């Protein structure tokens, strides 16, 4: 299994723990701004063990995880290749999910994950790395701006039955 700075590529056996971490971090980040019903619908459709296993095994995705004391505490999911919707002619890579457990914020783990995301985009031949971030998540937007991401558009992200506005952010890959 590949290991980078304490972060490793996920394996199918990580699916149960990844499903739990993904749902927990999504709820921690967005539950206060969404209805319980919409959160439940979204989580049921997005974070089950079988879905996480399928995403881990998808040849056009990479899932990377970090653990502490045997428990997953952060993860990064990349889609490679994935052209940016507002720049489809350029080879692209997408950060599909990027979450760090709140207990591990401020410890440099997000920095390590972003460094890895950029390295993997470079290795894939991408010219741009892009992502969608909720318009009402200024903390995440500020983090991405520190990494030279700029807003280039928007798209709709559904949480349950609620269509929400995500900002599309992109950076050039060195």
C-alpha atoms as a PDB file:
ATOM      1  CA  UNK A   1       0.000   0.000   0.000  1.00  0.00           C
ATOM      2  CA  UNK A   2       1.306   3.437  -0.922  1.00  0.00           C
ATOM      3  CA  UNK A   3       2.176   5.701   2.005  1.00  0.00           C
ATOM      4  CA  UNK A   4       2.850   9.450   1.658  1.00  0.00           C
ATOM      5  CA  UNK A   5       3.726  11.518   4.744  1.00  0.00           C
ATOM      6  CA  UNK A   6       1.564   9.257   6.952  1.00  0.00           C
ATOM      7  CA  UNK A   7      -1.292   9.384   4.478  1.00  0.00           C
ATOM      8  CA  UNK A   8      -2.024   6.189   2.587  1.00  0.00           C
ATOM      9  CA  UNK A   9      -4.114   5.064  -0.326  1.00  0.00           C
ATOM     10  CA  UNK A  10      -7.399   3.588   0.900  1.00  0.00           C
ATOM     11  CA  UNK A  11      -8.152  -0.093   0.399  1.00  0.00           C
ATOM     12  CA  UNK A  12     -11.519  -1.832   0.179  1.00  0.00           C
ATOM     13  CA  UNK A  13     -11.151  -2.843   3.824  1.00  0.00           C
ATOM     14  CA  UNK A  14     -11.315   0.875   4.735  1.00  0.00           C
ATOM     15  CA  UNK A  15     -14.852   1.193   3.337  1.00  0.00           C
ATOM     16  CA  UNK A  16     -16.750   0.815   6.649  1.00  0.00           C
ATOM     17  CA  UNK A  17     -14.537   3.297   8.519  1.00  0.00           C
ATOM     18  CA  UNK A  18     -14.482   5.685   5.561  1.00  0.00           C
ATOM     19  CA  UNK A  19     -18.282   5.613   5.285  1.00  0.00           C
ATOM     20  CA  UNK A  20     -18.548   6.506   8.973  1.00  0.00           C
ATOM     21  CA  UNK A  21     -15.921   9.278   8.761  1.00  0.00           C
ATOM     22  CA  UNK A  22     -17.413  10.740   5.584  1.00  0.00           C
ATOM     23  CA  UNK A  23     -20.897  10.904   7.032  1.00  0.00           C
ATOM     24  CA  UNK A  24     -19.709  12.266  10.383  1.00  0.00           C
ATOM     25  CA  UNK A  25     -17.576  15.038   8.873  1.00  0.00           C
ATOM     26  CA  UNK A  26     -20.305  16.000   6.387  1.00  0.00           C
ATOM     27  CA  UNK A  27     -22.862  16.239   9.180  1.00  0.00           C
ATOM     28  CA  UNK A  28     -20.477  18.212  11.419  1.00  0.00           C
ATOM     29  CA  UNK A  29     -19.816  20.662   8.603  1.00  0.00           C
ATOM     30  CA  UNK A  30     -23.312  21.125   7.185  1.00  0.00           C
ATOM     31  CA  UNK A  31     -26.047  19.873   9.566  1.00  0.00           C
ATOM     32  CA  UNK A  32     -26.683  23.249  11.189  1.00  0.00           C
ATOM     33  CA  UNK A  33     -27.559  24.796   7.824  1.00  0.00           C
ATOM     34  CA  UNK A  34     -29.759  21.991   6.491  1.00  0.00           C
ATOM     35  CA  UNK A  35     -32.885  20.176   7.547  1.00  0.00           C
ATOM     36  CA  UNK A  36     -32.523  16.827   9.269  1.00  0.00           C
ATOM     37  CA  UNK A  37     -34.497  15.197   6.442  1.00  0.00           C
ATOM     38  CA  UNK A  38     -32.231  16.613   3.724  1.00  0.00           C
ATOM     39  CA  UNK A  39     -29.124  15.597   5.658  1.00  0.00           C
ATOM     40  CA  UNK A  40     -30.457  12.081   6.119  1.00  0.00           C
ATOM     41  CA  UNK A  41     -31.338  11.714   2.428  1.00  0.00           C
ATOM     42  CA  UNK A  42     -27.937  13.005   1.356  1.00  0.00           C
ATOM     43  CA  UNK A  43     -25.986  10.805   3.746  1.00  0.00           C
ATOM     44  CA  UNK A  44     -27.954   7.678   2.845  1.00  0.00           C
ATOM     45  CA  UNK A  45     -27.280   8.313  -0.841  1.00  0.00           C
ATOM     46  CA  UNK A  46     -23.604   9.272  -0.465  1.00  0.00           C
ATOM     47  CA  UNK A  47     -21.822   7.481   2.357  1.00  0.00           C
ATOM     48  CA  UNK A  48     -22.748   3.843   2.654  1.00  0.00           C
ATOM     49  CA  UNK A  49     -20.116   1.140   2.977  1.00  0.00           C
ATOM     50  CA  UNK A  50     -20.874  -0.334  -0.472  1.00  0.00           C
ATOM     51  CA  UNK A  51     -20.638   3.087  -2.108  1.00  0.00           C
ATOM     52  CA  UNK A  52     -17.341   3.855  -0.411  1.00  0.00           C
ATOM     53  CA  UNK A  53     -15.951   0.481  -1.479  1.00  0.00           C
ATOM     54  CA  UNK A  54     -17.025   1.157  -5.085  1.00  0.00           C
ATOM     55  CA  UNK A  55     -15.394   4.603  -4.993  1.00  0.00           C
ATOM     56  CA  UNK A  56     -12.172   3.163  -3.547  1.00  0.00           C
ATOM     57  CA  UNK A  57     -12.081   0.554  -6.310  1.00  0.00           C
ATOM     58  CA  UNK A  58     -13.015   2.969  -9.134  1.00  0.00           C
ATOM     59  CA  UNK A  59      -9.994   3.226 -11.477  1.00  0.00           C
ATOM     60  CA  UNK A  60     -10.786   6.899 -12.199  1.00  0.00           C
ATOM     61  CA  UNK A  61     -10.783   7.841  -8.505  1.00  0.00           C
ATOM     62  CA  UNK A  62      -8.166   7.906  -5.807  1.00  0.00           C
ATOM     63  CA  UNK A  63      -9.108   7.832  -2.150  1.00  0.00           C
ATOM     64  CA  UNK A  64      -6.444   8.712   0.405  1.00  0.00           C
ATOM     65  CA  UNK A  65      -6.874   8.389   4.170  1.00  0.00           C
ATOM     66  CA  UNK A  66      -5.047   9.388   7.344  1.00  0.00           C
ATOM     67  CA  UNK A  67      -5.418   7.551  10.632  1.00  0.00           C
ATOM     68  CA  UNK A  68      -4.636   8.218  14.267  1.00  0.00           C
ATOM     69  CA  UNK A  69      -4.610   5.442  16.850  1.00  0.00           C
ATOM     70  CA  UNK A  70      -6.102   3.078  14.287  1.00  0.00           C
ATOM     71  CA  UNK A  71      -9.081   5.315  13.400  1.00  0.00           C
ATOM     72  CA  UNK A  72      -9.506   7.270  10.184  1.00  0.00           C
ATOM     73  CA  UNK A  73      -9.376  11.019  10.827  1.00  0.00           C
ATOM     74  CA  UNK A  74      -9.131  12.565   7.353  1.00  0.00           C
ATOM     75  CA  UNK A  75      -9.634  11.708   3.721  1.00  0.00           C
ATOM     76  CA  UNK A  76      -9.206  13.033   0.219  1.00  0.00           C
ATOM     77  CA  UNK A  77     -11.007  11.766  -2.860  1.00  0.00           C
ATOM     78  CA  UNK A  78      -9.765  12.728  -6.303  1.00  0.00           C
ATOM     79  CA  UNK A  79     -11.258  12.092  -9.716  1.00  0.00           C
ATOM     80  CA  UNK A  80      -8.586  11.614 -12.367  1.00  0.00           C
ATOM     81  CA  UNK A  81      -9.149  12.620 -15.109  1.00  0.00           C
ATOM     82  CA  UNK A  82     -11.919  15.153 -14.560  1.00  0.00           C
ATOM     83  CA  UNK A  83     -12.083  18.213 -16.820  1.00  0.00           C
ATOM     84  CA  UNK A  84     -13.214  21.375 -15.075  1.00  0.00           C
ATOM     85  CA  UNK A  85     -16.730  22.273 -16.304  1.00  0.00           C
ATOM     86  CA  UNK A  86     -15.682  25.850 -17.089  1.00  0.00           C
ATOM     87  CA  UNK A  87     -12.407  24.804 -18.737  1.00  0.00           C
ATOM     88  CA  UNK A  88     -13.181  21.410 -20.328  1.00  0.00           C
ATOM     89  CA  UNK A  89     -10.448  21.634 -22.944  1.00  0.00           C
ATOM     90  CA  UNK A  90      -7.707  21.510 -20.286  1.00  0.00           C
ATOM     91  CA  UNK A  91      -6.725  18.220 -18.688  1.00  0.00           C
ATOM     92  CA  UNK A  92      -8.164  18.359 -15.189  1.00  0.00           C
ATOM     93  CA  UNK A  93      -8.290  16.640 -11.846  1.00  0.00           C
ATOM     94  CA  UNK A  94     -11.088  17.173  -9.327  1.00  0.00           C
ATOM     95  CA  UNK A  95     -10.949  17.225  -5.562  1.00  0.00           C
ATOM     96  CA  UNK A  96     -14.269  15.498  -5.003  1.00  0.00           C
ATOM     97  CA  UNK A  97     -14.083  15.290  -1.200  1.00  0.00           C
ATOM     98  CA  UNK A  98     -11.633  16.785   1.285  1.00  0.00           C
ATOM     99  CA  UNK A  99     -12.420  16.395   4.981  1.00  0.00           C
ATOM    100  CA  UNK A 100     -10.452  16.451   8.227  1.00  0.00           C
ATOM    101  CA  UNK A 101     -12.088  15.468  11.511  1.00  0.00           C
ATOM    102  CA  UNK A 102     -12.562  18.618  13.608  1.00  0.00           C
ATOM    103  CA  UNK A 103     -10.396  17.195  16.410  1.00  0.00           C
ATOM    104  CA  UNK A 104      -7.483  17.245  13.947  1.00  0.00           C
ATOM    105  CA  UNK A 105      -7.925  20.764  12.560  1.00  0.00           C
ATOM    106  CA  UNK A 106      -4.865  22.970  12.940  1.00  0.00           C
ATOM    107  CA  UNK A 107      -2.378  20.089  12.954  1.00  0.00           C
ATOM    108  CA  UNK A 108      -1.151  20.420   9.370  1.00  0.00           C
ATOM    109  CA  UNK A 109      -3.104  17.469   8.053  1.00  0.00           C
ATOM    110  CA  UNK A 110      -5.113  19.552   5.558  1.00  0.00           C
ATOM    111  CA  UNK A 111      -1.815  20.997   4.284  1.00  0.00           C
ATOM    112  CA  UNK A 112      -0.448  17.482   3.765  1.00  0.00           C
ATOM    113  CA  UNK A 113      -3.617  16.372   1.968  1.00  0.00           C
ATOM    114  CA  UNK A 114      -3.582  19.388  -0.357  1.00  0.00           C
ATOM    115  CA  UNK A 115       0.100  18.846  -1.131  1.00  0.00           C
ATOM    116  CA  UNK A 116      -0.759  15.271  -2.034  1.00  0.00           C
ATOM    117  CA  UNK A 117      -3.711  16.364  -4.187  1.00  0.00           C
ATOM    118  CA  UNK A 118      -1.459  18.683  -6.179  1.00  0.00           C
ATOM    119  CA  UNK A 119       1.223  15.986  -6.522  1.00  0.00           C
ATOM    120  CA  UNK A 120      -1.359  13.474  -7.790  1.00  0.00           C
ATOM    121  CA  UNK A 121      -2.789  16.014 -10.243  1.00  0.00           C
ATOM    122  CA  UNK A 122       0.712  16.642 -11.600  1.00  0.00           C
ATOM    123  CA  UNK A 123       1.380  12.889 -11.868  1.00  0.00           C
ATOM    124  CA  UNK A 124      -1.880  12.420 -13.784  1.00  0.00           C
ATOM    125  CA  UNK A 125      -0.912  15.056 -16.347  1.00  0.00           C
ATOM    126  CA  UNK A 126      -3.605  17.517 -15.269  1.00  0.00           C
ATOM    127  CA  UNK A 127      -3.210  21.178 -16.173  1.00  0.00           C
ATOM    128  CA  UNK A 128      -5.811  22.301 -13.615  1.00  0.00           C
ATOM    129  CA  UNK A 129      -7.028  21.077 -10.239  1.00  0.00           C
ATOM    130  CA  UNK A 130     -10.570  22.070  -9.346  1.00  0.00           C
ATOM    131  CA  UNK A 131     -13.317  21.583  -6.768  1.00  0.00           C
ATOM    132  CA  UNK A 132     -16.742  22.733  -5.699  1.00  0.00           C
ATOM    133  CA  UNK A 133     -17.184  24.420  -2.326  1.00  0.00           C
ATOM    134  CA  UNK A 134     -20.434  25.573  -0.743  1.00  0.00           C
ATOM    135  CA  UNK A 135     -20.961  29.311  -1.046  1.00  0.00           C
ATOM    136  CA  UNK A 136     -21.649  29.494   2.724  1.00  0.00           C
ATOM    137  CA  UNK A 137     -18.406  27.794   3.794  1.00  0.00           C
ATOM    138  CA  UNK A 138     -15.980  30.722   4.112  1.00  0.00           C
ATOM    139  CA  UNK A 139     -13.438  28.729   6.138  1.00  0.00           C
ATOM    140  CA  UNK A 140     -12.984  26.194   3.341  1.00  0.00           C
ATOM    141  CA  UNK A 141     -12.933  28.939   0.705  1.00  0.00           C
ATOM    142  CA  UNK A 142     -10.168  30.761   2.590  1.00  0.00           C
ATOM    143  CA  UNK A 143      -8.142  27.553   2.850  1.00  0.00           C
ATOM    144  CA  UNK A 144      -8.439  26.955  -0.900  1.00  0.00           C
ATOM    145  CA  UNK A 145      -7.535  30.579  -1.705  1.00  0.00           C
ATOM    146  CA  UNK A 146      -4.320  30.098   0.300  1.00  0.00           C
ATOM    147  CA  UNK A 147      -3.514  27.342  -2.195  1.00  0.00           C
ATOM    148  CA  UNK A 148      -4.093  29.684  -5.165  1.00  0.00           C
ATOM    149  CA  UNK A 149      -7.558  28.424  -6.058  1.00  0.00           C
ATOM    150  CA  UNK A 150      -9.778  31.093  -7.615  1.00  0.00           C
ATOM    151  CA  UNK A 151     -13.516  31.120  -8.216  1.00  0.00           C
ATOM    152  CA  UNK A 152     -14.236  30.391 -11.880  1.00  0.00           C
ATOM    153  CA  UNK A 153     -17.922  29.526 -11.842  1.00  0.00           C
ATOM    154  CA  UNK A 154     -20.658  27.785  -9.912  1.00  0.00           C
ATOM    155  CA  UNK A 155     -22.810  24.691  -9.993  1.00  0.00           C
ATOM    156  CA  UNK A 156     -25.700  23.164  -8.084  1.00  0.00           C
ATOM    157  CA  UNK A 157     -25.018  20.647  -5.335  1.00  0.00           C
ATOM    158  CA  UNK A 158     -28.057  18.908  -3.897  1.00  0.00           C
ATOM    159  CA  UNK A 159     -28.289  18.112  -0.208  1.00  0.00           C
ATOM    160  CA  UNK A 160     -31.280  15.812  -0.097  1.00  0.00           C
ATOM    161  CA  UNK A 161     -33.954  17.750  -1.945  1.00  0.00           C
ATOM    162  CA  UNK A 162     -32.326  21.156  -1.449  1.00  0.00           C
ATOM    163  CA  UNK A 163     -30.423  22.588  -4.439  1.00  0.00           C
ATOM    164  CA  UNK A 164     -27.491  24.624  -3.116  1.00  0.00           C
ATOM    165  CA  UNK A 165     -24.922  26.831  -4.822  1.00  0.00           C
ATOM    166  CA  UNK A 166     -21.349  25.620  -4.893  1.00  0.00           C
ATOM    167  CA  UNK A 167     -18.550  27.825  -6.120  1.00  0.00           C
ATOM    168  CA  UNK A 168     -16.225  26.181  -8.617  1.00  0.00           C
ATOM    169  CA  UNK A 169     -12.631  26.933  -7.709  1.00  0.00           C
ATOM    170  CA  UNK A 170      -9.628  26.107  -9.840  1.00  0.00           C
ATOM    171  CA  UNK A 171      -5.874  26.410  -9.743  1.00  0.00           C
ATOM    172  CA  UNK A 172      -3.227  25.791 -12.322  1.00  0.00           C
ATOM    173  CA  UNK A 173      -1.135  22.708 -11.697  1.00  0.00           C
ATOM    174  CA  UNK A 174       2.593  23.458 -11.780  1.00  0.00           C
END
